Amino acid sequence: MIEITHSDVAVEARHARIFTLDMPLRFADMDADQHINNAQFYRYMEEARMVWIHSLGLAMVPPAPVPVLAASACSFHSPLHYPGTVTVEIYLGRLGNSSVRTHYLLRSGDGIAAEGYCVSVWVDPQTQRPLPLPEAVRRLAG
């Protein structure tokens, strides 16, 4: 199921920001139109998500429980151009028994280049079955 939502309320007004990462834009991220390719926006969100998970002290490789992407979406607002920097902000969304929804704002300067979300599910790599959400993530909800 693809979920598209539209709201007049900004992500930062609805959710608590839990992590921020600045990343340089790479020349190789550009496409033939001389702007950063849309697929790279997902990579920026992925990189920020993995750095965030690592910052919580959680393992990210088997045999430990690992987060698996269950859903994602991205709305593009303005192009990114090389050279430059993208700031990825992560906001905490809904927590489930074994999943967490995180929202993303990708900023360039004062503008928002894109916003997105993903749902990550923690699974046992041996059984491929969901596991309870790690306590380090659950604590973020207060």
N, C-alpha and C. Protein backbone atom coordinates (compact mmCIF):
# COMPACT_ATOMS: atom_id res chain seq x y z
N MET A 1 0.84 -1.18 0.00
CA MET A 1 0.00 0.00 0.00
C MET A 1 0.89 1.24 0.00
N ILE A 2 0.61 2.15 -0.88
CA ILE A 2 1.31 3.43 -0.92
C ILE A 2 0.43 4.45 -0.22
N GLU A 3 1.04 5.19 0.67
CA GLU A 3 0.28 6.19 1.41
C GLU A 3 0.77 7.57 1.01
N ILE A 4 -0.10 8.34 0.46
CA ILE A 4 0.19 9.73 0.12
C ILE A 4 -0.66 10.59 1.03
N THR A 5 -0.02 11.49 1.75
CA THR A 5 -0.76 12.36 2.64
C THR A 5 -0.44 13.81 2.32
N HIS A 6 -1.41 14.64 2.48
CA HIS A 6 -1.22 16.07 2.29
C HIS A 6 -1.76 16.75 3.53
N SER A 7 -1.00 17.70 4.03
CA SER A 7 -1.40 18.39 5.24
C SER A 7 -0.87 19.81 5.19
N ASP A 8 -1.64 20.73 5.74
CA ASP A 8 -1.17 22.10 5.83
C ASP A 8 -0.30 22.31 7.06
N VAL A 9 -0.20 21.27 7.91
CA VAL A 9 0.61 21.35 9.12
C VAL A 9 1.98 20.75 8.81
N ALA A 10 3.02 21.52 9.05
CA ALA A 10 4.37 21.08 8.74
C ALA A 10 4.80 19.92 9.62
N VAL A 11 5.68 19.08 9.07
CA VAL A 11 6.21 17.93 9.80
C VAL A 11 6.79 18.36 11.14
N GLU A 12 7.55 19.45 11.14
CA GLU A 12 8.21 19.87 12.38
C GLU A 12 7.22 20.36 13.44
N ALA A 13 5.99 20.68 13.05
CA ALA A 13 4.97 21.08 14.02
C ALA A 13 4.24 19.88 14.61
N ARG A 14 4.24 18.76 13.89
CA ARG A 14 3.51 17.57 14.33
C ARG A 14 4.36 16.57 15.08
N HIS A 15 5.68 16.57 14.85
CA HIS A 15 6.56 15.54 15.37
C HIS A 15 7.81 16.15 16.00
N ALA A 16 8.43 15.41 16.91
CA ALA A 16 9.66 15.85 17.56
C ALA A 16 10.86 15.49 16.70
N ARG A 17 11.74 16.47 16.49
CA ARG A 17 12.97 16.19 15.76
C ARG A 17 13.90 15.40 16.67
N ILE A 18 14.44 14.28 16.14
CA ILE A 18 15.29 13.42 16.96
C ILE A 18 16.71 13.31 16.43
N PHE A 19 16.97 13.80 15.21
CA PHE A 19 18.31 13.65 14.67
C PHE A 19 18.47 14.58 13.46
N THR A 20 19.69 15.07 13.27
CA THR A 20 20.02 15.92 12.12
C THR A 20 21.39 15.50 11.59
N LEU A 21 21.51 15.43 10.28
CA LEU A 21 22.78 15.08 9.66
C LEU A 21 23.00 15.95 8.43
N ASP A 22 24.17 16.58 8.35
CA ASP A 22 24.57 17.34 7.16
C ASP A 22 25.42 16.43 6.28
N MET A 23 25.13 16.43 4.98
CA MET A 23 25.89 15.61 4.04
C MET A 23 26.26 16.43 2.82
N PRO A 24 27.50 16.31 2.35
CA PRO A 24 27.87 16.99 1.11
C PRO A 24 27.22 16.31 -0.08
N LEU A 25 26.80 17.12 -1.03
CA LEU A 25 26.29 16.58 -2.30
C LEU A 25 27.50 16.22 -3.15
N ARG A 26 27.41 15.09 -3.81
CA ARG A 26 28.53 14.61 -4.62
C ARG A 26 28.27 14.89 -6.10
N PHE A 27 29.33 15.14 -6.82
CA PHE A 27 29.22 15.34 -8.26
C PHE A 27 28.53 14.13 -8.91
N ALA A 28 28.85 12.93 -8.43
CA ALA A 28 28.28 11.70 -9.00
C ALA A 28 26.78 11.56 -8.73
N ASP A 29 26.22 12.37 -7.81
CA ASP A 29 24.79 12.31 -7.51
C ASP A 29 23.94 13.03 -8.56
N MET A 30 24.59 13.80 -9.44
CA MET A 30 23.84 14.57 -10.45
C MET A 30 23.39 13.67 -11.59
N ASP A 31 22.35 14.13 -12.28
CA ASP A 31 21.89 13.43 -13.47
C ASP A 31 22.12 14.31 -14.70
N ALA A 32 21.61 13.89 -15.82
CA ALA A 32 21.83 14.62 -17.07
C ALA A 32 21.22 16.01 -17.07
N ASP A 33 20.26 16.25 -16.18
CA ASP A 33 19.63 17.57 -16.08
C ASP A 33 20.41 18.52 -15.17
N GLN A 34 21.59 18.09 -14.71
CA GLN A 34 22.49 18.91 -13.89
C GLN A 34 21.92 19.26 -12.52
N HIS A 35 21.06 18.40 -12.00
CA HIS A 35 20.64 18.53 -10.60
C HIS A 35 20.73 17.15 -9.97
N ILE A 36 20.63 17.10 -8.66
CA ILE A 36 20.76 15.82 -7.95
C ILE A 36 19.59 14.92 -8.34
N ASN A 37 19.89 13.69 -8.74
CA ASN A 37 18.88 12.75 -9.18
C ASN A 37 17.93 12.41 -8.04
N ASN A 38 16.65 12.24 -8.38
CA ASN A 38 15.64 11.99 -7.36
C ASN A 38 15.92 10.73 -6.53
N ALA A 39 16.53 9.72 -7.09
CA ALA A 39 16.83 8.50 -6.34
C ALA A 39 17.81 8.77 -5.21
N GLN A 40 18.65 9.78 -5.37
CA GLN A 40 19.63 10.11 -4.33
C GLN A 40 18.96 10.62 -3.06
N PHE A 41 17.78 11.22 -3.18
CA PHE A 41 17.07 11.72 -2.00
C PHE A 41 16.78 10.56 -1.04
N TYR A 42 16.42 9.40 -1.61
CA TYR A 42 16.19 8.22 -0.77
C TYR A 42 17.49 7.76 -0.11
N ARG A 43 18.60 7.88 -0.82
CA ARG A 43 19.89 7.51 -0.24
C ARG A 43 20.26 8.44 0.91
N TYR A 44 19.96 9.72 0.77
CA TYR A 44 20.25 10.66 1.86
C TYR A 44 19.42 10.31 3.09
N MET A 45 18.15 9.98 2.88
CA MET A 45 17.31 9.58 4.02
C MET A 45 17.84 8.29 4.64
N GLU A 46 18.23 7.35 3.80
CA GLU A 46 18.77 6.07 4.30
C GLU A 46 20.04 6.30 5.13
N GLU A 47 20.96 7.10 4.61
CA GLU A 47 22.21 7.36 5.33
C GLU A 47 21.94 8.01 6.68
N ALA A 48 21.06 9.00 6.69
CA ALA A 48 20.72 9.65 7.97
C ALA A 48 20.09 8.66 8.93
N ARG A 49 19.20 7.80 8.43
CA ARG A 49 18.55 6.80 9.27
C ARG A 49 19.56 5.84 9.87
N MET A 50 20.51 5.37 9.08
CA MET A 50 21.51 4.43 9.59
C MET A 50 22.46 5.09 10.58
N VAL A 51 22.86 6.33 10.33
CA VAL A 51 23.71 7.05 11.28
C VAL A 51 22.95 7.27 12.59
N TRP A 52 21.66 7.61 12.49
CA TRP A 52 20.82 7.79 13.68
C TRP A 52 20.74 6.49 14.48
N ILE A 53 20.43 5.38 13.81
CA ILE A 53 20.32 4.09 14.50
C ILE A 53 21.64 3.73 15.17
N HIS A 54 22.73 3.95 14.46
CA HIS A 54 24.06 3.70 15.04
C HIS A 54 24.31 4.58 16.26
N SER A 55 23.85 5.84 16.20
CA SER A 55 24.05 6.76 17.34
C SER A 55 23.31 6.31 18.59
N LEU A 56 22.28 5.47 18.42
CA LEU A 56 21.54 4.93 19.56
C LEU A 56 22.24 3.73 20.17
N GLY A 57 23.34 3.30 19.57
CA GLY A 57 24.07 2.14 20.07
C GLY A 57 23.49 0.82 19.63
N LEU A 58 22.63 0.86 18.59
CA LEU A 58 22.00 -0.36 18.11
C LEU A 58 22.83 -0.99 17.00
N ALA A 59 22.88 -2.32 17.02
CA ALA A 59 23.56 -3.05 15.96
C ALA A 59 22.77 -2.91 14.67
N MET A 60 23.48 -2.94 13.57
CA MET A 60 22.81 -2.80 12.27
C MET A 60 23.10 -3.96 11.34
N VAL A 61 23.80 -4.98 11.84
CA VAL A 61 24.12 -6.13 11.01
C VAL A 61 23.84 -7.42 11.77
N PRO A 62 23.47 -8.47 11.05
CA PRO A 62 23.25 -9.76 11.70
C PRO A 62 24.53 -10.22 12.41
N PRO A 63 24.39 -10.99 13.46
CA PRO A 63 23.21 -11.72 13.90
C PRO A 63 22.27 -10.93 14.80
N ALA A 64 22.60 -9.66 15.09
CA ALA A 64 21.72 -8.84 15.92
C ALA A 64 20.43 -8.52 15.17
N PRO A 65 19.36 -8.18 15.89
CA PRO A 65 18.14 -7.71 15.22
C PRO A 65 18.48 -6.50 14.34
N VAL A 66 17.87 -6.42 13.18
CA VAL A 66 18.17 -5.35 12.23
C VAL A 66 16.89 -4.66 11.78
N PRO A 67 16.98 -3.36 11.49
CA PRO A 67 15.81 -2.67 10.94
C PRO A 67 15.68 -2.94 9.44
N VAL A 68 14.47 -3.26 9.03
CA VAL A 68 14.18 -3.51 7.62
C VAL A 68 13.14 -2.49 7.18
N LEU A 69 13.34 -1.93 6.02
CA LEU A 69 12.43 -0.93 5.49
C LEU A 69 11.14 -1.61 5.01
N ALA A 70 10.01 -1.17 5.56
CA ALA A 70 8.72 -1.74 5.19
C ALA A 70 7.95 -0.83 4.23
N ALA A 71 8.17 0.47 4.32
CA ALA A 71 7.47 1.43 3.46
C ALA A 71 8.27 2.72 3.42
N SER A 72 8.15 3.44 2.31
CA SER A 72 8.78 4.75 2.21
C SER A 72 8.11 5.57 1.13
N ALA A 73 8.24 6.88 1.25
CA ALA A 73 7.72 7.80 0.25
C ALA A 73 8.51 9.10 0.34
N CYS A 74 8.50 9.84 -0.76
CA CYS A 74 9.19 11.12 -0.78
C CYS A 74 8.44 12.07 -1.71
N SER A 75 8.25 13.30 -1.24
CA SER A 75 7.67 14.38 -2.05
C SER A 75 8.78 15.38 -2.32
N PHE A 76 8.98 15.70 -3.57
CA PHE A 76 10.06 16.59 -3.98
C PHE A 76 9.52 18.01 -4.13
N HIS A 77 10.22 18.96 -3.50
CA HIS A 77 9.77 20.35 -3.52
C HIS A 77 10.65 21.24 -4.39
N SER A 78 11.96 21.03 -4.34
CA SER A 78 12.87 21.83 -5.16
C SER A 78 14.14 21.03 -5.42
N PRO A 79 14.82 21.31 -6.51
CA PRO A 79 16.02 20.55 -6.84
C PRO A 79 17.19 20.87 -5.91
N LEU A 80 18.08 19.93 -5.80
CA LEU A 80 19.37 20.13 -5.13
C LEU A 80 20.43 20.21 -6.21
N HIS A 81 21.45 21.05 -5.99
CA HIS A 81 22.49 21.24 -6.98
C HIS A 81 23.86 21.05 -6.36
N TYR A 82 24.75 20.44 -7.14
CA TYR A 82 26.15 20.31 -6.76
C TYR A 82 26.88 21.57 -7.20
N PRO A 83 27.84 22.07 -6.44
CA PRO A 83 28.24 21.64 -5.11
C PRO A 83 27.27 22.18 -4.07
N GLY A 84 27.22 21.52 -2.96
CA GLY A 84 26.34 21.97 -1.90
C GLY A 84 26.26 20.95 -0.79
N THR A 85 25.35 21.20 0.11
CA THR A 85 25.13 20.35 1.27
C THR A 85 23.64 20.15 1.44
N VAL A 86 23.25 18.96 1.86
CA VAL A 86 21.86 18.70 2.22
C VAL A 86 21.84 18.39 3.72
N THR A 87 20.89 18.98 4.41
CA THR A 87 20.67 18.69 5.82
C THR A 87 19.44 17.81 5.91
N VAL A 88 19.60 16.64 6.51
CA VAL A 88 18.49 15.71 6.68
C VAL A 88 18.08 15.73 8.15
N GLU A 89 16.83 16.10 8.38
CA GLU A 89 16.26 16.11 9.73
C GLU A 89 15.32 14.92 9.85
N ILE A 90 15.44 14.19 10.96
CA ILE A 90 14.57 13.04 11.21
C ILE A 90 13.64 13.40 12.36
N TYR A 91 12.36 13.10 12.16
CA TYR A 91 11.32 13.36 13.16
C TYR A 91 10.67 12.04 13.53
N LEU A 92 10.37 11.87 14.81
CA LEU A 92 9.78 10.63 15.30
C LEU A 92 8.28 10.62 15.05
N GLY A 93 7.82 9.58 14.38
CA GLY A 93 6.40 9.39 14.13
C GLY A 93 5.85 8.29 15.01
N ARG A 94 4.92 7.54 14.46
CA ARG A 94 4.22 6.49 15.21
C ARG A 94 5.14 5.32 15.55
N LEU A 95 5.04 4.87 16.79
CA LEU A 95 5.75 3.67 17.22
C LEU A 95 4.75 2.53 17.31
N GLY A 96 5.09 1.39 16.73
CA GLY A 96 4.28 0.19 16.84
C GLY A 96 4.97 -0.80 17.76
N ASN A 97 4.52 -2.02 17.74
CA ASN A 97 5.16 -3.06 18.56
C ASN A 97 6.57 -3.38 18.09
N SER A 98 6.75 -3.44 16.77
CA SER A 98 8.06 -3.78 16.22
C SER A 98 8.52 -2.76 15.17
N SER A 99 7.78 -1.68 15.01
CA SER A 99 8.08 -0.73 13.94
C SER A 99 8.09 0.71 14.44
N VAL A 100 8.75 1.55 13.67
CA VAL A 100 8.75 2.98 13.93
C VAL A 100 8.62 3.70 12.58
N ARG A 101 7.82 4.73 12.59
CA ARG A 101 7.68 5.59 11.41
C ARG A 101 8.53 6.84 11.68
N THR A 102 9.40 7.14 10.76
CA THR A 102 10.22 8.35 10.86
C THR A 102 9.90 9.24 9.66
N HIS A 103 9.89 10.53 9.93
CA HIS A 103 9.62 11.54 8.90
C HIS A 103 10.91 12.30 8.64
N TYR A 104 11.07 12.77 7.41
CA TYR A 104 12.31 13.41 6.99
C TYR A 104 12.03 14.75 6.31
N LEU A 105 12.85 15.73 6.65
CA LEU A 105 12.92 16.96 5.88
C LEU A 105 14.32 17.07 5.35
N LEU A 106 14.44 17.28 4.05
CA LEU A 106 15.74 17.48 3.42
C LEU A 106 15.82 18.96 3.08
N ARG A 107 16.77 19.63 3.70
CA ARG A 107 16.89 21.08 3.56
C ARG A 107 18.16 21.44 2.80
N SER A 108 18.02 22.48 2.02
CA SER A 108 19.15 23.10 1.34
C SER A 108 19.05 24.59 1.61
N GLY A 109 19.98 25.11 2.37
CA GLY A 109 19.86 26.51 2.79
C GLY A 109 18.63 26.66 3.67
N ASP A 110 17.82 27.66 3.37
CA ASP A 110 16.61 27.91 4.15
C ASP A 110 15.39 27.18 3.60
N GLY A 111 15.54 26.53 2.45
CA GLY A 111 14.39 25.89 1.82
C GLY A 111 14.32 24.39 2.06
N ILE A 112 13.12 23.85 1.89
CA ILE A 112 12.91 22.41 1.99
C ILE A 112 12.93 21.85 0.57
N ALA A 113 13.89 20.96 0.32
CA ALA A 113 14.01 20.34 -0.99
C ALA A 113 13.07 19.14 -1.13
N ALA A 114 12.83 18.44 -0.02
CA ALA A 114 11.96 17.27 -0.06
C ALA A 114 11.51 16.92 1.34
N GLU A 115 10.42 16.17 1.42
CA GLU A 115 10.00 15.59 2.69
C GLU A 115 9.56 14.16 2.41
N GLY A 116 9.77 13.32 3.39
CA GLY A 116 9.44 11.92 3.19
C GLY A 116 9.19 11.23 4.51
N TYR A 117 8.93 9.95 4.40
CA TYR A 117 8.77 9.13 5.60
C TYR A 117 9.20 7.72 5.28
N CYS A 118 9.42 6.95 6.33
CA CYS A 118 9.63 5.52 6.15
C CYS A 118 9.12 4.80 7.39
N VAL A 119 8.84 3.53 7.23
CA VAL A 119 8.49 2.65 8.33
C VAL A 119 9.57 1.59 8.38
N SER A 120 10.24 1.49 9.54
CA SER A 120 11.27 0.48 9.75
C SER A 120 10.75 -0.54 10.73
N VAL A 121 10.98 -1.82 10.43
CA VAL A 121 10.55 -2.91 11.29
C VAL A 121 11.80 -3.66 11.74
N TRP A 122 11.92 -3.89 13.04
CA TRP A 122 13.06 -4.66 13.54
C TRP A 122 12.72 -6.14 13.41
N VAL A 123 13.66 -6.88 12.81
CA VAL A 123 13.43 -8.30 12.57
C VAL A 123 14.61 -9.13 13.06
N ASP A 124 14.32 -10.38 13.32
CA ASP A 124 15.34 -11.37 13.62
C ASP A 124 15.88 -11.85 12.28
N PRO A 125 17.18 -11.65 12.00
CA PRO A 125 17.70 -12.03 10.69
C PRO A 125 17.63 -13.53 10.41
N GLN A 126 17.59 -14.34 11.45
CA GLN A 126 17.52 -15.79 11.25
C GLN A 126 16.12 -16.22 10.83
N THR A 127 15.11 -15.70 11.52
CA THR A 127 13.73 -16.14 11.25
C THR A 127 12.98 -15.21 10.30
N GLN A 128 13.51 -14.00 10.12
CA GLN A 128 12.86 -12.96 9.32
C GLN A 128 11.49 -12.58 9.90
N ARG A 129 11.33 -12.74 11.20
CA ARG A 129 10.10 -12.39 11.90
C ARG A 129 10.32 -11.11 12.69
N PRO A 130 9.27 -10.28 12.83
CA PRO A 130 9.39 -9.04 13.61
C PRO A 130 9.72 -9.31 15.07
N LEU A 131 10.46 -8.38 15.64
CA LEU A 131 10.83 -8.41 17.05
C LEU A 131 10.33 -7.12 17.71
N PRO A 132 10.21 -7.11 19.03
CA PRO A 132 9.81 -5.86 19.69
C PRO A 132 10.77 -4.72 19.35
N LEU A 133 10.24 -3.53 19.25
CA LEU A 133 11.03 -2.34 18.97
C LEU A 133 12.10 -2.18 20.05
N PRO A 134 13.34 -1.87 19.67
CA PRO A 134 14.39 -1.70 20.68
C PRO A 134 14.03 -0.62 21.70
N GLU A 135 14.40 -0.83 22.93
CA GLU A 135 14.10 0.11 24.01
C GLU A 135 14.70 1.49 23.72
N ALA A 136 15.88 1.53 23.09
CA ALA A 136 16.51 2.81 22.77
C ALA A 136 15.62 3.67 21.86
N VAL A 137 14.89 3.04 20.98
CA VAL A 137 13.96 3.77 20.11
C VAL A 137 12.69 4.13 20.88
N ARG A 138 12.17 3.20 21.63
CA ARG A 138 10.93 3.43 22.40
C ARG A 138 11.10 4.60 23.38
N ARG A 139 12.29 4.71 23.97
CA ARG A 139 12.55 5.79 24.94
C ARG A 139 12.41 7.18 24.32
N LEU A 140 12.62 7.29 23.01
CA LEU A 140 12.54 8.59 22.34
C LEU A 140 11.13 9.19 22.41
N ALA A 141 10.14 8.33 22.57
CA ALA A 141 8.75 8.81 22.62
C ALA A 141 8.43 9.43 23.98
N GLY A 142 9.35 9.33 24.92
CA GLY A 142 9.16 9.97 26.22
C GLY A 142 8.42 9.12 27.12
